[in-house]
Amino acid sequence: MRLAGFALTATLAAAGAAQGQTQTAARVVATSPAVGAQVPPSTSAVSVTFDRPMQPSWSFAGRPQDAPSYVSQPSLSTDGRTITVAVQLQPGRSYVVWLNSESYKNFKDAQGQPAEPFRLTFSTSQ
């Protein structure tokens, strides 16, 4: 059974490629804050920009003690490539946010394919 499922997936992928559809996963091309940046604790939003339009769904994943406090629902930009969420940060902290993970895959492109997982890290000044 598993082999038959693989053959179906491979056939669908080949058909999509023949029609000129992209079969690669969406990728993060920019974040704010930037990866590894130190920002003031007054920073009020986290945003992520993808290489293509995305669906209005998301998975900001990770351990609660490592994540910022989210103070609003995320929003999608008019071009569909950037997702922004309001946050509250604390001084002198390091943050880790996974944009998708092995278990959570709700950052999806317009065709419904999950984006590649991406680890965003940043810290705040005192």
PDB file of N, CA and C in Angstrom:
ATOM      1  N   MET A   1       0.812  -1.201   0.000  1.00  0.00           N
ATOM      2  CA  MET A   1       0.000   0.000   0.000  1.00  0.00           C
ATOM      3  C   MET A   1       0.855   1.265   0.000  1.00  0.00           C
ATOM      4  N   ARG A   2       1.871   1.276   0.830  1.00  0.00           N
ATOM      5  CA  ARG A   2       2.701   2.462   0.916  1.00  0.00           C
ATOM      6  C   ARG A   2       3.355   2.768  -0.424  1.00  0.00           C
ATOM      7  N   LEU A   3       3.803   1.755  -1.130  1.00  0.00           N
ATOM      8  CA  LEU A   3       4.426   1.948  -2.430  1.00  0.00           C
ATOM      9  C   LEU A   3       3.427   2.518  -3.428  1.00  0.00           C
ATOM     10  N   ALA A   4       2.187   2.047  -3.375  1.00  0.00           N
ATOM     11  CA  ALA A   4       1.159   2.577  -4.279  1.00  0.00           C
ATOM     12  C   ALA A   4       0.917   4.050  -4.001  1.00  0.00           C
ATOM     13  N   GLY A   5       0.888   4.440  -2.743  1.00  0.00           N
ATOM     14  CA  GLY A   5       0.719   5.852  -2.373  1.00  0.00           C
ATOM     15  C   GLY A   5       1.857   6.707  -2.906  1.00  0.00           C
ATOM     16  N   PHE A   6       3.068   6.164  -2.835  1.00  0.00           N
ATOM     17  CA  PHE A   6       4.219   6.887  -3.360  1.00  0.00           C
ATOM     18  C   PHE A   6       4.083   7.087  -4.862  1.00  0.00           C
ATOM     19  N   ALA A   7       3.651   6.049  -5.555  1.00  0.00           N
ATOM     20  CA  ALA A   7       3.504   6.154  -7.013  1.00  0.00           C
ATOM     21  C   ALA A   7       2.474   7.216  -7.369  1.00  0.00           C
ATOM     22  N   LEU A   8       1.377   7.283  -6.636  1.00  0.00           N
ATOM     23  CA  LEU A   8       0.347   8.287  -6.896  1.00  0.00           C
ATOM     24  C   LEU A   8       0.918   9.682  -6.664  1.00  0.00           C
ATOM     25  N   THR A   9       1.638   9.862  -5.553  1.00  0.00           N
ATOM     26  CA  THR A   9       2.233  11.163  -5.250  1.00  0.00           C
ATOM     27  C   THR A   9       3.220  11.559  -6.346  1.00  0.00           C
ATOM     28  N   ALA A  10       4.057  10.632  -6.772  1.00  0.00           N
ATOM     29  CA  ALA A  10       5.034  10.928  -7.814  1.00  0.00           C
ATOM     30  C   ALA A  10       4.335  11.275  -9.130  1.00  0.00           C
ATOM     31  N   THR A  11       3.257  10.577  -9.442  1.00  0.00           N
ATOM     32  CA  THR A  11       2.509  10.858 -10.669  1.00  0.00           C
ATOM     33  C   THR A  11       1.896  12.244 -10.622  1.00  0.00           C
ATOM     34  N   LEU A  12       1.299  12.610  -9.478  1.00  0.00           N
ATOM     35  CA  LEU A  12       0.709  13.939  -9.335  1.00  0.00           C
ATOM     36  C   LEU A  12       1.777  15.019  -9.419  1.00  0.00           C
ATOM     37  N   ALA A  13       2.926  14.779  -8.813  1.00  0.00           N
ATOM     38  CA  ALA A  13       4.009  15.757  -8.874  1.00  0.00           C
ATOM     39  C   ALA A  13       4.491  15.934 -10.312  1.00  0.00           C
ATOM     40  N   ALA A  14       4.618  14.840 -11.048  1.00  0.00           N
ATOM     41  CA  ALA A  14       5.049  14.925 -12.443  1.00  0.00           C
ATOM     42  C   ALA A  14       4.022  15.679 -13.278  1.00  0.00           C
ATOM     43  N   ALA A  15       2.742  15.433 -13.024  1.00  0.00           N
ATOM     44  CA  ALA A  15       1.690  16.140 -13.761  1.00  0.00           C
ATOM     45  C   ALA A  15       1.740  17.629 -13.471  1.00  0.00           C
ATOM     46  N   GLY A  16       1.963  18.003 -12.210  1.00  0.00           N
ATOM     47  CA  GLY A  16       2.060  19.415 -11.843  1.00  0.00           C
ATOM     48  C   GLY A  16       3.259  20.069 -12.499  1.00  0.00           C
ATOM     49  N   ALA A  17       4.385  19.359 -12.532  1.00  0.00           N
ATOM     50  CA  ALA A  17       5.584  19.903 -13.162  1.00  0.00           C
ATOM     51  C   ALA A  17       5.357  20.093 -14.662  1.00  0.00           C
ATOM     52  N   ALA A  18       4.632  19.157 -15.279  1.00  0.00           N
ATOM     53  CA  ALA A  18       4.358  19.270 -16.706  1.00  0.00           C
ATOM     54  C   ALA A  18       3.480  20.483 -17.008  1.00  0.00           C
ATOM     55  N   GLN A  19       2.648  20.877 -16.045  1.00  0.00           N
ATOM     56  CA  GLN A  19       1.778  22.037 -16.230  1.00  0.00           C
ATOM     57  C   GLN A  19       2.463  23.328 -15.781  1.00  0.00           C
ATOM     58  N   GLY A  20       3.731  23.241 -15.367  1.00  0.00           N
ATOM     59  CA  GLY A  20       4.472  24.427 -14.963  1.00  0.00           C
ATOM     60  C   GLY A  20       4.231  24.845 -13.528  1.00  0.00           C
ATOM     61  N   GLN A  21       3.645  23.984 -12.710  1.00  0.00           N
ATOM     62  CA  GLN A  21       3.399  24.323 -11.316  1.00  0.00           C
ATOM     63  C   GLN A  21       4.650  24.065 -10.488  1.00  0.00           C
ATOM     64  N   THR A  22       4.866  24.922  -9.513  1.00  0.00           N
ATOM     65  CA  THR A  22       6.007  24.771  -8.626  1.00  0.00           C
ATOM     66  C   THR A  22       5.698  23.715  -7.581  1.00  0.00           C
ATOM     67  N   GLN A  23       6.620  22.775  -7.370  1.00  0.00           N
ATOM     68  CA  GLN A  23       6.426  21.717  -6.391  1.00  0.00           C
ATOM     69  C   GLN A  23       7.328  21.898  -5.171  1.00  0.00           C
ATOM     70  N   THR A  24       8.133  22.951  -5.133  1.00  0.00           N
ATOM     71  CA  THR A  24       8.993  23.178  -3.985  1.00  0.00           C
ATOM     72  C   THR A  24       8.211  23.899  -2.892  1.00  0.00           C
ATOM     73  N   ALA A  25       8.601  23.673  -1.655  1.00  0.00           N
ATOM     74  CA  ALA A  25       7.941  24.305  -0.515  1.00  0.00           C
ATOM     75  C   ALA A  25       8.278  25.790  -0.465  1.00  0.00           C
ATOM     76  N   ALA A  26       7.326  26.574   0.012  1.00  0.00           N
ATOM     77  CA  ALA A  26       7.561  28.008   0.220  1.00  0.00           C
ATOM     78  C   ALA A  26       8.697  28.179   1.224  1.00  0.00           C
ATOM     79  N   ARG A  27       9.450  29.273   1.045  1.00  0.00           N
ATOM     80  CA  ARG A  27      10.578  29.551   1.936  1.00  0.00           C
ATOM     81  C   ARG A  27      10.492  30.962   2.481  1.00  0.00           C
ATOM     82  N   VAL A  28      10.992  31.128   3.685  1.00  0.00           N
ATOM     83  CA  VAL A  28      11.099  32.446   4.302  1.00  0.00           C
ATOM     84  C   VAL A  28      12.215  33.200   3.605  1.00  0.00           C
ATOM     85  N   VAL A  29      11.933  34.459   3.206  1.00  0.00           N
ATOM     86  CA  VAL A  29      12.965  35.282   2.582  1.00  0.00           C
ATOM     87  C   VAL A  29      13.354  36.472   3.465  1.00  0.00           C
ATOM     88  N   ALA A  30      12.535  36.804   4.453  1.00  0.00           N
ATOM     89  CA  ALA A  30      12.866  37.899   5.372  1.00  0.00           C
ATOM     90  C   ALA A  30      12.027  37.762   6.639  1.00  0.00           C
ATOM     91  N   THR A  31      12.599  38.225   7.736  1.00  0.00           N
ATOM     92  CA  THR A  31      11.867  38.299   9.006  1.00  0.00           C
ATOM     93  C   THR A  31      12.143  39.644   9.650  1.00  0.00           C
ATOM     94  N   SER A  32      11.227  40.054  10.482  1.00  0.00           N
ATOM     95  CA  SER A  32      11.434  41.232  11.312  1.00  0.00           C
ATOM     96  C   SER A  32      10.895  40.890  12.690  1.00  0.00           C
ATOM     97  N   PRO A  33      11.772  40.870  13.673  1.00  0.00           N
ATOM     98  CA  PRO A  33      13.204  41.128  13.655  1.00  0.00           C
ATOM     99  C   PRO A  33      13.952  40.122  12.773  1.00  0.00           C
ATOM    100  N   ALA A  34      15.135  40.537  12.329  1.00  0.00           N
ATOM    101  CA  ALA A  34      15.998  39.648  11.552  1.00  0.00           C
ATOM    102  C   ALA A  34      16.526  38.534  12.457  1.00  0.00           C
ATOM    103  N   VAL A  35      16.864  37.419  11.857  1.00  0.00           N
ATOM    104  CA  VAL A  35      17.420  36.294  12.616  1.00  0.00           C
ATOM    105  C   VAL A  35      18.670  36.756  13.352  1.00  0.00           C
ATOM    106  N   GLY A  36      18.713  36.487  14.659  1.00  0.00           N
ATOM    107  CA  GLY A  36      19.867  36.823  15.483  1.00  0.00           C
ATOM    108  C   GLY A  36      19.947  38.269  15.936  1.00  0.00           C
ATOM    109  N   ALA A  37      18.982  39.085  15.553  1.00  0.00           N
ATOM    110  CA  ALA A  37      19.022  40.515  15.898  1.00  0.00           C
ATOM    111  C   ALA A  37      18.754  40.738  17.381  1.00  0.00           C
ATOM    112  N   GLN A  38      19.294  41.845  17.877  1.00  0.00           N
ATOM    113  CA  GLN A  38      18.916  42.331  19.197  1.00  0.00           C
ATOM    114  C   GLN A  38      18.063  43.573  18.965  1.00  0.00           C
ATOM    115  N   VAL A  39      16.864  43.580  19.546  1.00  0.00           N
ATOM    116  CA  VAL A  39      15.910  44.662  19.310  1.00  0.00           C
ATOM    117  C   VAL A  39      15.495  45.273  20.640  1.00  0.00           C
ATOM    118  N   PRO A  40      14.969  46.484  20.616  1.00  0.00           N
ATOM    119  CA  PRO A  40      14.466  47.066  21.853  1.00  0.00           C
ATOM    120  C   PRO A  40      13.215  46.310  22.315  1.00  0.00           C
ATOM    121  N   PRO A  41      12.996  46.235  23.626  1.00  0.00           N
ATOM    122  CA  PRO A  41      11.806  45.532  24.118  1.00  0.00           C
ATOM    123  C   PRO A  41      10.500  46.196  23.682  1.00  0.00           C
ATOM    124  N   SER A  42      10.579  47.407  23.185  1.00  0.00           N
ATOM    125  CA  SER A  42       9.384  48.099  22.692  1.00  0.00           C
ATOM    126  C   SER A  42       8.942  47.612  21.308  1.00  0.00           C
ATOM    127  N   THR A  43       9.736  46.741  20.670  1.00  0.00           N
ATOM    128  CA  THR A  43       9.352  46.178  19.374  1.00  0.00           C
ATOM    129  C   THR A  43       7.978  45.548  19.522  1.00  0.00           C
ATOM    130  N   SER A  44       7.067  45.897  18.628  1.00  0.00           N
ATOM    131  CA  SER A  44       5.670  45.511  18.836  1.00  0.00           C
ATOM    132  C   SER A  44       5.126  44.481  17.849  1.00  0.00           C
ATOM    133  N   ALA A  45       5.948  43.997  16.927  1.00  0.00           N
ATOM    134  CA  ALA A  45       5.441  43.025  15.958  1.00  0.00           C
ATOM    135  C   ALA A  45       6.550  42.108  15.473  1.00  0.00           C
ATOM    136  N   VAL A  46       6.153  40.922  15.087  1.00  0.00           N
ATOM    137  CA  VAL A  46       7.017  39.967  14.396  1.00  0.00           C
ATOM    138  C   VAL A  46       6.374  39.725  13.042  1.00  0.00           C
ATOM    139  N   SER A  47       7.185  39.798  11.990  1.00  0.00           N
ATOM    140  CA  SER A  47       6.650  39.520  10.659  1.00  0.00           C
ATOM    141  C   SER A  47       7.586  38.582   9.914  1.00  0.00           C
ATOM    142  N   VAL A  48       6.991  37.850   9.008  1.00  0.00           N
ATOM    143  CA  VAL A  48       7.734  36.903   8.186  1.00  0.00           C
ATOM    144  C   VAL A  48       7.251  37.060   6.743  1.00  0.00           C
ATOM    145  N   THR A  49       8.214  37.130   5.821  1.00  0.00           N
ATOM    146  CA  THR A  49       7.903  37.275   4.408  1.00  0.00           C
ATOM    147  C   THR A  49       8.366  36.022   3.673  1.00  0.00           C
ATOM    148  N   PHE A  50       7.483  35.486   2.843  1.00  0.00           N
ATOM    149  CA  PHE A  50       7.758  34.277   2.078  1.00  0.00           C
ATOM    150  C   PHE A  50       8.050  34.614   0.623  1.00  0.00           C
ATOM    151  N   ASP A  51       8.544  33.632  -0.090  1.00  0.00           N
ATOM    152  CA  ASP A  51       8.905  33.822  -1.496  1.00  0.00           C
ATOM    153  C   ASP A  51       7.715  33.750  -2.445  1.00  0.00           C
ATOM    154  N   ARG A  52       6.511  33.582  -1.902  1.00  0.00           N
ATOM    155  CA  ARG A  52       5.300  33.491  -2.726  1.00  0.00           C
ATOM    156  C   ARG A  52       4.076  33.798  -1.865  1.00  0.00           C
ATOM    157  N   PRO A  53       2.921  34.024  -2.468  1.00  0.00           N
ATOM    158  CA  PRO A  53       1.707  34.260  -1.684  1.00  0.00           C
ATOM    159  C   PRO A  53       1.340  33.045  -0.826  1.00  0.00           C
ATOM    160  N   MET A  54       0.834  33.342   0.347  1.00  0.00           N
ATOM    161  CA  MET A  54       0.492  32.315   1.320  1.00  0.00           C
ATOM    162  C   MET A  54      -0.995  32.377   1.657  1.00  0.00           C
ATOM    163  N   GLN A  55      -1.492  31.298   2.244  1.00  0.00           N
ATOM    164  CA  GLN A  55      -2.859  31.271   2.749  1.00  0.00           C
ATOM    165  C   GLN A  55      -2.910  32.025   4.077  1.00  0.00           C
ATOM    166  N   PRO A  56      -4.095  32.480   4.501  1.00  0.00           N
ATOM    167  CA  PRO A  56      -4.210  33.145   5.808  1.00  0.00           C
ATOM    168  C   PRO A  56      -4.276  32.112   6.936  1.00  0.00           C
ATOM    169  N   SER A  57      -3.193  31.358   7.095  1.00  0.00           N
ATOM    170  CA  SER A  57      -3.070  30.372   8.169  1.00  0.00           C
ATOM    171  C   SER A  57      -1.616  30.368   8.618  1.00  0.00           C
ATOM    172  N   TRP A  58      -1.351  29.950   9.851  1.00  0.00           N
ATOM    173  CA  TRP A  58       0.000  30.051  10.394  1.00  0.00           C
ATOM    174  C   TRP A  58       0.199  29.099  11.544  1.00  0.00           C
ATOM    175  N   SER A  59       1.459  28.815  11.813  1.00  0.00           N
ATOM    176  CA  SER A  59       1.876  28.018  12.960  1.00  0.00           C
ATOM    177  C   SER A  59       3.124  28.661  13.547  1.00  0.00           C
ATOM    178  N   PHE A  60       2.915  29.603  14.468  1.00  0.00           N
ATOM    179  CA  PHE A  60       4.024  30.115  15.262  1.00  0.00           C
ATOM    180  C   PHE A  60       4.185  29.081  16.374  1.00  0.00           C
ATOM    181  N   ALA A  61       5.209  28.242  16.275  1.00  0.00           N
ATOM    182  CA  ALA A  61       5.351  27.098  17.162  1.00  0.00           C
ATOM    183  C   ALA A  61       6.573  27.247  18.062  1.00  0.00           C
ATOM    184  N   GLY A  62       6.633  26.395  19.062  1.00  0.00           N
ATOM    185  CA  GLY A  62       7.778  26.365  19.963  1.00  0.00           C
ATOM    186  C   GLY A  62       7.338  26.303  21.405  1.00  0.00           C
ATOM    187  N   ARG A  63       8.328  26.291  22.271  1.00  0.00           N
ATOM    188  CA  ARG A  63       8.043  26.220  23.709  1.00  0.00           C
ATOM    189  C   ARG A  63       7.511  27.565  24.195  1.00  0.00           C
ATOM    190  N   PRO A  64       6.431  27.558  24.973  1.00  0.00           N
ATOM    191  CA  PRO A  64       5.846  28.826  25.446  1.00  0.00           C
ATOM    192  C   PRO A  64       6.843  29.722  26.180  1.00  0.00           C
ATOM    193  N   GLN A  65       7.758  29.145  26.938  1.00  0.00           N
ATOM    194  CA  GLN A  65       8.724  29.958  27.685  1.00  0.00           C
ATOM    195  C   GLN A  65       9.748  30.649  26.780  1.00  0.00           C
ATOM    196  N   ASP A  66       9.863  30.212  25.526  1.00  0.00           N
ATOM    197  CA  ASP A  66      10.808  30.816  24.581  1.00  0.00           C
ATOM    198  C   ASP A  66      10.148  31.795  23.622  1.00  0.00           C
ATOM    199  N   ALA A  67       8.818  31.814  23.592  1.00  0.00           N
ATOM    200  CA  ALA A  67       8.085  32.614  22.607  1.00  0.00           C
ATOM    201  C   ALA A  67       7.695  33.971  23.178  1.00  0.00           C
ATOM    202  N   PRO A  68       7.522  34.961  22.322  1.00  0.00           N
ATOM    203  CA  PRO A  68       6.991  36.243  22.792  1.00  0.00           C
ATOM    204  C   PRO A  68       5.520  36.085  23.163  1.00  0.00           C
ATOM    205  N   SER A  69       4.983  37.060  23.859  1.00  0.00           N
ATOM    206  CA  SER A  69       3.546  37.083  24.142  1.00  0.00           C
ATOM    207  C   SER A  69       2.861  37.649  22.906  1.00  0.00           C
ATOM    208  N   TYR A  70       1.974  36.861  22.308  1.00  0.00           N
ATOM    209  CA  TYR A  70       1.225  37.313  21.137  1.00  0.00           C
ATOM    210  C   TYR A  70      -0.004  38.065  21.630  1.00  0.00           C
ATOM    211  N   VAL A  71      -0.202  39.275  21.122  1.00  0.00           N
ATOM    212  CA  VAL A  71      -1.293  40.114  21.629  1.00  0.00           C
ATOM    213  C   VAL A  71      -2.388  40.369  20.600  1.00  0.00           C
ATOM    214  N   SER A  72      -2.292  39.736  19.435  1.00  0.00           N
ATOM    215  CA  SER A  72      -3.346  39.859  18.431  1.00  0.00           C
ATOM    216  C   SER A  72      -3.312  38.630  17.544  1.00  0.00           C
ATOM    217  N   GLN A  73      -4.316  38.504  16.714  1.00  0.00           N
ATOM    218  CA  GLN A  73      -4.299  37.471  15.681  1.00  0.00           C
ATOM    219  C   GLN A  73      -3.352  37.934  14.565  1.00  0.00           C
ATOM    220  N   PRO A  74      -2.619  37.009  13.957  1.00  0.00           N
ATOM    221  CA  PRO A  74      -1.774  37.383  12.818  1.00  0.00           C
ATOM    222  C   PRO A  74      -2.613  37.919  11.662  1.00  0.00           C
ATOM    223  N   SER A  75      -1.974  38.700  10.811  1.00  0.00           N
ATOM    224  CA  SER A  75      -2.644  39.225   9.614  1.00  0.00           C
ATOM    225  C   SER A  75      -1.759  38.987   8.399  1.00  0.00           C
ATOM    226  N   LEU A  76      -2.414  38.879   7.253  1.00  0.00           N
ATOM    227  CA  LEU A  76      -1.739  38.628   5.992  1.00  0.00           C
ATOM    228  C   LEU A  76      -1.734  39.910   5.168  1.00  0.00           C
ATOM    229  N   SER A  77      -0.587  40.257   4.582  1.00  0.00           N
ATOM    230  CA  SER A  77      -0.479  41.463   3.763  1.00  0.00           C
ATOM    231  C   SER A  77      -1.332  41.331   2.502  1.00  0.00           C
ATOM    232  N   THR A  78      -1.577  42.448   1.848  1.00  0.00           N
ATOM    233  CA  THR A  78      -2.419  42.435   0.652  1.00  0.00           C
ATOM    234  C   THR A  78      -1.799  41.627  -0.487  1.00  0.00           C
ATOM    235  N   ASP A  79      -0.453  41.527  -0.546  1.00  0.00           N
ATOM    236  CA  ASP A  79       0.167  40.713  -1.595  1.00  0.00           C
ATOM    237  C   ASP A  79       0.259  39.239  -1.198  1.00  0.00           C
ATOM    238  N   GLY A  80      -0.149  38.923   0.039  1.00  0.00           N
ATOM    239  CA  GLY A  80      -0.186  37.543   0.494  1.00  0.00           C
ATOM    240  C   GLY A  80       1.147  36.949   0.886  1.00  0.00           C
ATOM    241  N   ARG A  81       2.216  37.742   0.879  1.00  0.00           N
ATOM    242  CA  ARG A  81       3.549  37.191   1.154  1.00  0.00           C
ATOM    243  C   ARG A  81       4.031  37.408   2.587  1.00  0.00           C
ATOM    244  N   THR A  82       3.460  38.387   3.297  1.00  0.00           N
ATOM    245  CA  THR A  82       3.951  38.719   4.638  1.00  0.00           C
ATOM    246  C   THR A  82       2.856  38.512   5.671  1.00  0.00           C
ATOM    247  N   ILE A  83       3.231  37.824   6.753  1.00  0.00           N
ATOM    248  CA  ILE A  83       2.325  37.593   7.870  1.00  0.00           C
ATOM    249  C   ILE A  83       2.923  38.296   9.076  1.00  0.00           C
ATOM    250  N   THR A  84       2.098  39.100   9.749  1.00  0.00           N
ATOM    251  CA  THR A  84       2.538  39.908  10.884  1.00  0.00           C
ATOM    252  C   THR A  84       1.661  39.613  12.089  1.00  0.00           C
ATOM    253  N   VAL A  85       2.292  39.545  13.254  1.00  0.00           N
ATOM    254  CA  VAL A  85       1.560  39.350  14.500  1.00  0.00           C
ATOM    255  C   VAL A  85       2.098  40.348  15.533  1.00  0.00           C
ATOM    256  N   ALA A  86       1.185  40.982  16.276  1.00  0.00           N
ATOM    257  CA  ALA A  86       1.587  41.902  17.341  1.00  0.00           C
ATOM    258  C   ALA A  86       2.084  41.094  18.539  1.00  0.00           C
ATOM    259  N   VAL A  87       3.152  41.589  19.154  1.00  0.00           N
ATOM    260  CA  VAL A  87       3.767  40.896  20.293  1.00  0.00           C
ATOM    261  C   VAL A  87       4.071  41.880  21.412  1.00  0.00           C
ATOM    262  N   GLN A  88       4.285  41.317  22.580  1.00  0.00           N
ATOM    263  CA  GLN A  88       4.802  42.083  23.709  1.00  0.00           C
ATOM    264  C   GLN A  88       6.079  41.385  24.150  1.00  0.00           C
ATOM    265  N   LEU A  89       7.180  42.131  24.165  1.00  0.00           N
ATOM    266  CA  LEU A  89       8.490  41.581  24.509  1.00  0.00           C
ATOM    267  C   LEU A  89       8.946  42.093  25.865  1.00  0.00           C
ATOM    268  N   GLN A  90       9.807  41.317  26.496  1.00  0.00           N
ATOM    269  CA  GLN A  90      10.390  41.684  27.785  1.00  0.00           C
ATOM    270  C   GLN A  90      11.861  42.044  27.588  1.00  0.00           C
ATOM    271  N   PRO A  91      12.399  42.967  28.391  1.00  0.00           N
ATOM    272  CA  PRO A  91      13.821  43.321  28.258  1.00  0.00           C
ATOM    273  C   PRO A  91      14.739  42.167  28.658  1.00  0.00           C
ATOM    274  N   GLY A  92      15.887  42.096  27.984  1.00  0.00           N
ATOM    275  CA  GLY A  92      16.915  41.129  28.336  1.00  0.00           C
ATOM    276  C   GLY A  92      16.533  39.677  28.126  1.00  0.00           C
ATOM    277  N   ARG A  93      15.737  39.393  27.117  1.00  0.00           N
ATOM    278  CA  ARG A  93      15.269  38.022  26.863  1.00  0.00           C
ATOM    279  C   ARG A  93      15.724  37.545  25.488  1.00  0.00           C
ATOM    280  N   SER A  94      15.871  36.247  25.377  1.00  0.00           N
ATOM    281  CA  SER A  94      16.088  35.600  24.077  1.00  0.00           C
ATOM    282  C   SER A  94      14.793  34.910  23.683  1.00  0.00           C
ATOM    283  N   TYR A  95      14.461  34.969  22.397  1.00  0.00           N
ATOM    284  CA  TYR A  95      13.222  34.379  21.892  1.00  0.00           C
ATOM    285  C   TYR A  95      13.531  33.398  20.768  1.00  0.00           C
ATOM    286  N   VAL A  96      12.754  32.329  20.719  1.00  0.00           N
ATOM    287  CA  VAL A  96      12.839  31.338  19.651  1.00  0.00           C
ATOM    288  C   VAL A  96      11.425  31.074  19.173  1.00  0.00           C
ATOM    289  N   VAL A  97      11.200  31.261  17.879  1.00  0.00           N
ATOM    290  CA  VAL A  97       9.888  31.011  17.279  1.00  0.00           C
ATOM    291  C   VAL A  97      10.099  30.134  16.055  1.00  0.00           C
ATOM    292  N   TRP A  98       9.403  29.026  15.994  1.00  0.00           N
ATOM    293  CA  TRP A  98       9.420  28.187  14.796  1.00  0.00           C
ATOM    294  C   TRP A  98       8.249  28.599  13.920  1.00  0.00           C
ATOM    295  N   LEU A  99       8.520  28.829  12.663  1.00  0.00           N
ATOM    296  CA  LEU A  99       7.497  29.104  11.662  1.00  0.00           C
ATOM    297  C   LEU A  99       7.312  27.780  10.928  1.00  0.00           C
ATOM    298  N   ASN A 100       6.312  27.043  11.345  1.00  0.00           N
ATOM    299  CA  ASN A 100       6.089  25.636  11.015  1.00  0.00           C
ATOM    300  C   ASN A 100       7.110  24.784  11.768  1.00  0.00           C
ATOM    301  N   SER A 101       6.790  23.525  11.905  1.00  0.00           N
ATOM    302  CA  SER A 101       7.656  22.552  12.566  1.00  0.00           C
ATOM    303  C   SER A 101       7.265  21.176  12.048  1.00  0.00           C
ATOM    304  N   GLU A 102       7.834  20.130  12.634  1.00  0.00           N
ATOM    305  CA  GLU A 102       7.446  18.779  12.217  1.00  0.00           C
ATOM    306  C   GLU A 102       5.979  18.511  12.510  1.00  0.00           C
ATOM    307  N   SER A 103       5.475  19.060  13.602  1.00  0.00           N
ATOM    308  CA  SER A 103       4.095  18.787  14.028  1.00  0.00           C
ATOM    309  C   SER A 103       3.094  19.845  13.575  1.00  0.00           C
ATOM    310  N   TYR A 104       3.529  21.071  13.402  1.00  0.00           N
ATOM    311  CA  TYR A 104       2.627  22.176  13.071  1.00  0.00           C
ATOM    312  C   TYR A 104       3.028  22.736  11.710  1.00  0.00           C
ATOM    313  N   LYS A 105       2.099  22.692  10.752  1.00  0.00           N
ATOM    314  CA  LYS A 105       2.431  23.036   9.362  1.00  0.00           C
ATOM    315  C   LYS A 105       1.367  23.926   8.736  1.00  0.00           C
ATOM    316  N   ASN A 106       0.956  24.960   9.441  1.00  0.00           N
ATOM    317  CA  ASN A 106      -0.136  25.790   8.925  1.00  0.00           C
ATOM    318  C   ASN A 106       0.312  26.995   8.105  1.00  0.00           C
ATOM    319  N   PHE A 107       1.613  27.299   8.045  1.00  0.00           N
ATOM    320  CA  PHE A 107       2.072  28.267   7.049  1.00  0.00           C
ATOM    321  C   PHE A 107       2.033  27.507   5.735  1.00  0.00           C
ATOM    322  N   LYS A 108       1.081  27.842   4.864  1.00  0.00           N
ATOM    323  CA  LYS A 108       0.905  27.126   3.600  1.00  0.00           C
ATOM    324  C   LYS A 108       0.814  28.112   2.452  1.00  0.00           C
ATOM    325  N   ASP A 109       1.352  27.700   1.309  1.00  0.00           N
ATOM    326  CA  ASP A 109       1.255  28.562   0.134  1.00  0.00           C
ATOM    327  C   ASP A 109      -0.161  28.517  -0.431  1.00  0.00           C
ATOM    328  N   ALA A 110      -0.393  29.293  -1.470  1.00  0.00           N
ATOM    329  CA  ALA A 110      -1.741  29.419  -2.042  1.00  0.00           C
ATOM    330  C   ALA A 110      -2.292  28.086  -2.531  1.00  0.00           C
ATOM    331  N   GLN A 111      -1.421  27.126  -2.853  1.00  0.00           N
ATOM    332  CA  GLN A 111      -1.870  25.811  -3.295  1.00  0.00           C
ATOM    333  C   GLN A 111      -2.069  24.838  -2.133  1.00  0.00           C
ATOM    334  N   GLY A 112      -1.791  25.290  -0.910  1.00  0.00           N
ATOM    335  CA  GLY A 112      -1.991  24.444   0.270  1.00  0.00           C
ATOM    336  C   GLY A 112      -0.795  23.627   0.689  1.00  0.00           C
ATOM    337  N   GLN A 113       0.362  23.835   0.059  1.00  0.00           N
ATOM    338  CA  GLN A 113       1.575  23.096   0.424  1.00  0.00           C
ATOM    339  C   GLN A 113       2.256  23.783   1.608  1.00  0.00           C
ATOM    340  N   PRO A 114       2.570  23.034   2.696  1.00  0.00           N
ATOM    341  CA  PRO A 114       3.236  23.645   3.846  1.00  0.00           C
ATOM    342  C   PRO A 114       4.602  24.226   3.491  1.00  0.00           C
ATOM    343  N   ALA A 115       4.914  25.348   4.111  1.00  0.00           N
ATOM    344  CA  ALA A 115       6.231  25.970   3.940  1.00  0.00           C
ATOM    345  C   ALA A 115       7.285  25.164   4.690  1.00  0.00           C
ATOM    346  N   GLU A 116       8.531  25.328   4.275  1.00  0.00           N
ATOM    347  CA  GLU A 116       9.646  24.709   4.991  1.00  0.00           C
ATOM    348  C   GLU A 116       9.682  25.262   6.411  1.00  0.00           C
ATOM    349  N   PRO A 117       9.924  24.431   7.427  1.00  0.00           N
ATOM    350  CA  PRO A 117      10.077  24.961   8.788  1.00  0.00           C
ATOM    351  C   PRO A 117      11.251  25.945   8.841  1.00  0.00           C
ATOM    352  N   PHE A 118      11.099  26.957   9.675  1.00  0.00           N
ATOM    353  CA  PHE A 118      12.115  28.004   9.783  1.00  0.00           C
ATOM    354  C   PHE A 118      12.219  28.409  11.241  1.00  0.00           C
ATOM    355  N   ARG A 119      13.435  28.494  11.765  1.00  0.00           N
ATOM    356  CA  ARG A 119      13.672  28.874  13.162  1.00  0.00           C
ATOM    357  C   ARG A 119      14.107  30.332  13.228  1.00  0.00           C
ATOM    358  N   LEU A 120      13.281  31.144  13.865  1.00  0.00           N
ATOM    359  CA  LEU A 120      13.580  32.557  14.058  1.00  0.00           C
ATOM    360  C   LEU A 120      14.028  32.763  15.501  1.00  0.00           C
ATOM    361  N   THR A 121      15.231  33.313  15.663  1.00  0.00           N
ATOM    362  CA  THR A 121      15.749  33.647  16.987  1.00  0.00           C
ATOM    363  C   THR A 121      16.084  35.125  17.026  1.00  0.00           C
ATOM    364  N   PHE A 122      15.821  35.774  18.142  1.00  0.00           N
ATOM    365  CA  PHE A 122      16.212  37.150  18.359  1.00  0.00           C
ATOM    366  C   PHE A 122      16.211  37.414  19.844  1.00  0.00           C
ATOM    367  N   SER A 123      16.747  38.547  20.247  1.00  0.00           N
ATOM    368  CA  SER A 123      16.789  38.880  21.668  1.00  0.00           C
ATOM    369  C   SER A 123      16.435  40.364  21.837  1.00  0.00           C
ATOM    370  N   THR A 124      16.195  40.727  23.090  1.00  0.00           N
ATOM    371  CA  THR A 124      15.892  42.109  23.411  1.00  0.00           C
ATOM    372  C   THR A 124      16.989  42.688  24.286  1.00  0.00           C
ATOM    373  N   SER A 125      17.211  43.971  24.126  1.00  0.00           N
ATOM    374  CA  SER A 125      18.177  44.670  24.967  1.00  0.00           C
ATOM    375  C   SER A 125      17.560  44.927  26.334  1.00  0.00           C
ATOM    376  N   GLN A 126      18.408  45.327  27.262  1.00  0.00           N
ATOM    377  CA  GLN A 126      17.926  45.648  28.616  1.00  0.00           C
ATOM    378  C   GLN A 126      17.219  46.964  28.521  1.00  0.00           C
TER     379      GLN A 126
END
